[in-house]
């Protein structure tokens, strides 16, 4: 596990690497962000943005999504994985917004998680990005990076990862760090081919050191 000094080093290095890290889901308001984040499950932000470019032209309010059949909405998002489930959740979400929240996206985690298809991660994204509330949303990138670096343990659950990060990172840095961890995992510390050889965090990264030692052994064997 990393020391406080090591964690500070990691945070500072990621800030230098990705000073402008941000949410890459294109949206104009909290409602669009909820829809885009719901659609992003098990697919890429690029795919979501490709679909929402037309989707958000066709639908701008909860009423719009409920004015069409489920089958039509499914066709609108068909190119995204799990489109049937996501379309169903979108219409349920819109109905709840109208029935319980006067059509307005709520600002608290508890209320957001009452919406169909909105789990803790999505709620944290909306709280942070749309409403400026400190939050750390643990997606696959955040979880992978946190465990590789040693912020937390490999066996920790997603909830445990979030709790550990909240304890070890100053609250005022939660939202920015969330985006930087995503950028670091998405563009540098990738799942299959992490760029360990050129990583400024290698000196404190337990996983990176293991990978580099393994690579050195393989090269010696070849030579």
Protein backbone atom coordinates (compact mmCIF):
# COMPACT_ATOMS: atom_id res chain seq x y z
CA UNK A 1 0.00 0.00 0.00
CA UNK A 2 1.23 3.48 -0.83
CA UNK A 3 2.37 5.90 1.86
CA UNK A 4 0.87 9.38 2.15
CA UNK A 5 4.00 10.75 0.50
CA UNK A 6 3.68 8.30 -2.40
CA UNK A 7 0.01 9.14 -2.86
CA UNK A 8 0.82 12.84 -2.99
CA UNK A 9 3.50 12.10 -5.56
CA UNK A 10 1.02 10.14 -7.70
CA UNK A 11 -1.62 12.87 -7.53
CA UNK A 12 0.89 15.57 -8.46
CA UNK A 13 2.28 13.54 -11.37
CA UNK A 14 -1.18 12.83 -12.76
CA UNK A 15 -1.99 16.52 -12.48
CA UNK A 16 1.05 17.31 -14.62
CA UNK A 17 0.18 14.59 -17.12
CA UNK A 18 -3.52 15.45 -17.43
CA UNK A 19 -4.13 18.98 -16.12
CA UNK A 20 -7.30 19.35 -18.20
CA UNK A 21 -8.86 15.94 -17.50
CA UNK A 22 -12.63 16.19 -17.71
CA UNK A 23 -15.83 14.28 -18.40
CA UNK A 24 -15.72 13.29 -22.07
CA UNK A 25 -19.44 12.59 -22.36
CA UNK A 26 -20.87 15.46 -24.41
CA UNK A 27 -23.88 17.05 -22.73
CA UNK A 28 -25.51 20.43 -22.22
CA UNK A 29 -27.33 19.91 -18.92
CA UNK A 30 -27.77 17.47 -15.99
CA UNK A 31 -30.57 15.57 -17.76
CA UNK A 32 -28.42 14.87 -20.81
CA UNK A 33 -25.56 13.84 -18.55
CA UNK A 34 -27.75 11.30 -16.74
CA UNK A 35 -28.83 9.79 -20.06
CA UNK A 36 -25.28 9.75 -21.46
CA UNK A 37 -23.81 8.19 -18.32
CA UNK A 38 -26.53 5.54 -18.27
CA UNK A 39 -25.72 4.72 -21.90
CA UNK A 40 -21.98 4.53 -21.17
CA UNK A 41 -22.21 1.25 -19.25
CA UNK A 42 -20.03 -1.40 -20.94
CA UNK A 43 -19.17 0.81 -23.89
CA UNK A 44 -16.90 3.77 -24.65
CA UNK A 45 -17.59 7.48 -24.35
CA UNK A 46 -16.81 7.76 -28.06
CA UNK A 47 -19.65 5.37 -28.90
CA UNK A 48 -22.02 7.19 -26.57
CA UNK A 49 -21.19 10.59 -28.05
CA UNK A 50 -21.76 9.22 -31.54
CA UNK A 51 -25.28 8.12 -30.57
CA UNK A 52 -26.23 11.11 -28.43
CA UNK A 53 -25.33 13.55 -31.19
CA UNK A 54 -28.62 12.58 -32.85
CA UNK A 55 -30.43 11.37 -29.73
CA UNK A 56 -30.22 14.74 -27.98
CA UNK A 57 -31.51 16.48 -31.10
CA UNK A 58 -34.59 14.25 -31.10
CA UNK A 59 -35.22 14.19 -27.34
CA UNK A 60 -34.61 17.09 -24.97
CA UNK A 61 -37.03 16.44 -22.09
CA UNK A 62 -38.36 13.45 -20.13
CA UNK A 63 -41.68 13.93 -21.90
CA UNK A 64 -39.98 13.48 -25.28
CA UNK A 65 -38.62 10.05 -24.35
CA UNK A 66 -42.04 8.95 -23.10
CA UNK A 67 -43.84 10.19 -26.20
CA UNK A 68 -42.40 7.39 -28.36
CA UNK A 69 -42.69 3.64 -28.14
CA UNK A 70 -40.04 1.58 -26.39
CA UNK A 71 -39.25 -0.06 -29.73
CA UNK A 72 -38.53 3.29 -31.37
CA UNK A 73 -36.20 4.34 -28.58
CA UNK A 74 -34.44 0.99 -28.81
CA UNK A 75 -33.79 1.62 -32.48
CA UNK A 76 -32.40 5.07 -31.70
CA UNK A 77 -29.70 3.56 -29.45
CA UNK A 78 -29.37 0.19 -31.16
CA UNK A 79 -25.65 0.61 -31.91
CA UNK A 80 -24.87 0.69 -28.17
CA UNK A 81 -24.56 -2.54 -26.19
CA UNK A 82 -27.45 -3.56 -23.96
CA UNK A 83 -29.68 -1.17 -25.89
CA UNK A 84 -32.92 -2.92 -24.93
CA UNK A 85 -32.24 -2.69 -21.20
CA UNK A 86 -30.95 0.86 -21.51
CA UNK A 87 -33.96 2.04 -23.49
CA UNK A 88 -36.28 0.52 -20.90
CA UNK A 89 -34.35 2.19 -18.07
CA UNK A 90 -34.41 5.55 -19.85
CA UNK A 91 -38.20 5.53 -20.06
CA UNK A 92 -38.56 4.37 -16.45
CA UNK A 93 -36.09 7.06 -15.38
CA UNK A 94 -38.05 9.73 -17.22
CA UNK A 95 -41.31 8.59 -15.65
CA UNK A 96 -39.78 8.80 -12.17
CA UNK A 97 -38.40 12.28 -12.90
CA UNK A 98 -41.86 13.48 -13.86
CA UNK A 99 -43.76 11.69 -11.09
CA UNK A 100 -41.40 12.30 -8.18
CA UNK A 101 -39.08 15.20 -9.08
CA UNK A 102 -41.18 17.56 -11.24
CA UNK A 103 -39.05 16.66 -14.25
CA UNK A 104 -35.86 17.98 -12.68
CA UNK A 105 -32.75 15.86 -12.09
CA UNK A 106 -32.23 15.59 -8.30
CA UNK A 107 -28.93 16.62 -6.74
CA UNK A 108 -28.43 14.06 -3.97
CA UNK A 109 -26.95 10.59 -4.37
CA UNK A 110 -29.87 8.94 -2.63
CA UNK A 111 -32.42 10.58 -4.92
CA UNK A 112 -30.38 9.98 -8.06
CA UNK A 113 -30.14 6.28 -7.24
CA UNK A 114 -33.95 6.09 -7.22
CA UNK A 115 -33.78 6.52 -11.00
CA UNK A 116 -33.79 3.36 -13.13
CA UNK A 117 -30.33 2.42 -14.38
CA UNK A 118 -28.58 4.86 -12.04
CA UNK A 119 -26.19 3.18 -9.63
CA UNK A 120 -23.68 4.74 -7.27
CA UNK A 121 -21.08 5.35 -9.99
CA UNK A 122 -23.51 7.18 -12.26
CA UNK A 123 -24.89 9.16 -9.32
CA UNK A 124 -21.36 10.22 -8.35
CA UNK A 125 -20.62 11.33 -11.92
CA UNK A 126 -23.76 13.47 -12.04
CA UNK A 127 -23.16 14.96 -8.59
CA UNK A 128 -19.59 15.86 -9.47
CA UNK A 129 -19.88 16.99 -13.08
CA UNK A 130 -23.36 18.52 -13.16
CA UNK A 131 -23.60 19.95 -9.64
CA UNK A 132 -20.00 20.46 -8.53
CA UNK A 133 -20.30 18.20 -5.48
CA UNK A 134 -17.11 16.39 -4.35
CA UNK A 135 -17.34 12.75 -5.44
CA UNK A 136 -15.23 9.90 -6.78
CA UNK A 137 -16.94 7.66 -9.32
CA UNK A 138 -15.18 4.30 -9.53
CA UNK A 139 -15.37 2.93 -13.07
CA UNK A 140 -13.14 0.22 -14.55
CA UNK A 141 -10.28 2.67 -15.17
CA UNK A 142 -10.34 4.12 -11.66
CA UNK A 143 -10.53 0.69 -10.07
CA UNK A 144 -7.69 -0.71 -12.20
CA UNK A 145 -5.35 2.21 -11.60
CA UNK A 146 -6.09 2.38 -7.87
CA UNK A 147 -5.27 -1.30 -7.47
CA UNK A 148 -2.21 -1.32 -9.73
CA UNK A 149 -0.65 1.64 -7.97
CA UNK A 150 -1.46 0.30 -4.52
CA UNK A 151 -3.95 2.88 -3.31
CA UNK A 152 -6.03 -0.12 -2.25
CA UNK A 153 -5.93 -3.92 -2.28
CA UNK A 154 -6.60 -6.15 -5.28
CA UNK A 155 -9.40 -7.95 -3.43
CA UNK A 156 -11.24 -4.75 -2.52
CA UNK A 157 -14.76 -4.31 -3.88
CA UNK A 158 -15.74 -1.25 -5.92
CA UNK A 159 -17.32 0.27 -2.80
CA UNK A 160 -14.15 -0.38 -0.80
CA UNK A 161 -12.07 1.26 -3.53
CA UNK A 162 -14.27 4.36 -3.39
CA UNK A 163 -14.12 4.53 0.39
CA UNK A 164 -10.33 4.09 0.40
CA UNK A 165 -9.80 6.80 -2.21
CA UNK A 166 -12.04 9.19 -0.27
CA UNK A 167 -9.97 8.58 2.86
CA UNK A 168 -6.60 8.98 1.19
CA UNK A 169 -7.35 11.91 -1.15
CA UNK A 170 -8.28 15.39 0.13
CA UNK A 171 -11.99 16.03 -0.39
CA UNK A 172 -11.38 19.18 -2.41
CA UNK A 173 -9.45 17.04 -4.91
CA UNK A 174 -11.95 14.20 -5.28
CA UNK A 175 -13.63 15.34 -8.49
CA UNK A 176 -10.46 16.39 -10.32
CA UNK A 177 -8.66 13.23 -9.22
CA UNK A 178 -11.57 11.12 -10.46
CA UNK A 179 -11.13 12.54 -13.97
CA UNK A 180 -7.34 12.25 -13.86
CA UNK A 181 -7.50 8.62 -12.77
CA UNK A 182 -9.81 7.94 -15.71
CA UNK A 183 -7.51 9.71 -18.19
CA UNK A 184 -4.47 7.96 -16.71
CA UNK A 185 -6.17 4.57 -17.10
CA UNK A 186 -7.72 5.30 -20.47
CA UNK A 187 -4.71 6.81 -22.22
CA UNK A 188 -1.62 5.65 -20.31
CA UNK A 189 -2.11 2.80 -17.83
CA UNK A 190 -4.26 0.78 -20.22
CA UNK A 191 -5.79 -2.55 -19.35
CA UNK A 192 -3.82 -4.68 -21.80
CA UNK A 193 -0.75 -2.62 -22.64
CA UNK A 194 0.12 -0.18 -19.85
CA UNK A 195 2.93 2.20 -20.73
CA UNK A 196 5.09 1.21 -17.75
CA UNK A 197 8.41 1.89 -19.45
CA UNK A 198 7.69 5.60 -19.78
CA UNK A 199 5.55 6.07 -16.69
CA UNK A 200 6.59 8.75 -14.18
CA UNK A 201 4.81 6.74 -11.46
CA UNK A 202 6.86 3.59 -12.02
CA UNK A 203 9.08 4.24 -9.01
CA UNK A 204 6.10 3.79 -6.66
CA UNK A 205 3.95 1.40 -8.73
CA UNK A 206 4.05 -2.18 -7.46
CA UNK A 207 2.36 -3.61 -10.55
CA UNK A 208 4.55 -1.64 -12.94
CA UNK A 209 7.72 -2.88 -11.27
CA UNK A 210 6.53 -6.48 -11.57
CA UNK A 211 5.77 -6.00 -15.25
CA UNK A 212 9.15 -4.44 -15.96
CA UNK A 213 11.01 -7.23 -14.12
CA UNK A 214 9.08 -9.81 -16.13
CA UNK A 215 9.91 -7.97 -19.36
CA UNK A 216 13.61 -7.86 -18.46
CA UNK A 217 13.63 -11.62 -17.83
CA UNK A 218 11.95 -12.26 -21.16
CA UNK A 219 14.50 -10.10 -22.98
CA UNK A 220 17.41 -11.89 -21.30
CA UNK A 221 15.93 -15.24 -22.30
CA UNK A 222 15.66 -14.12 -25.94
CA UNK A 223 19.20 -12.78 -25.98
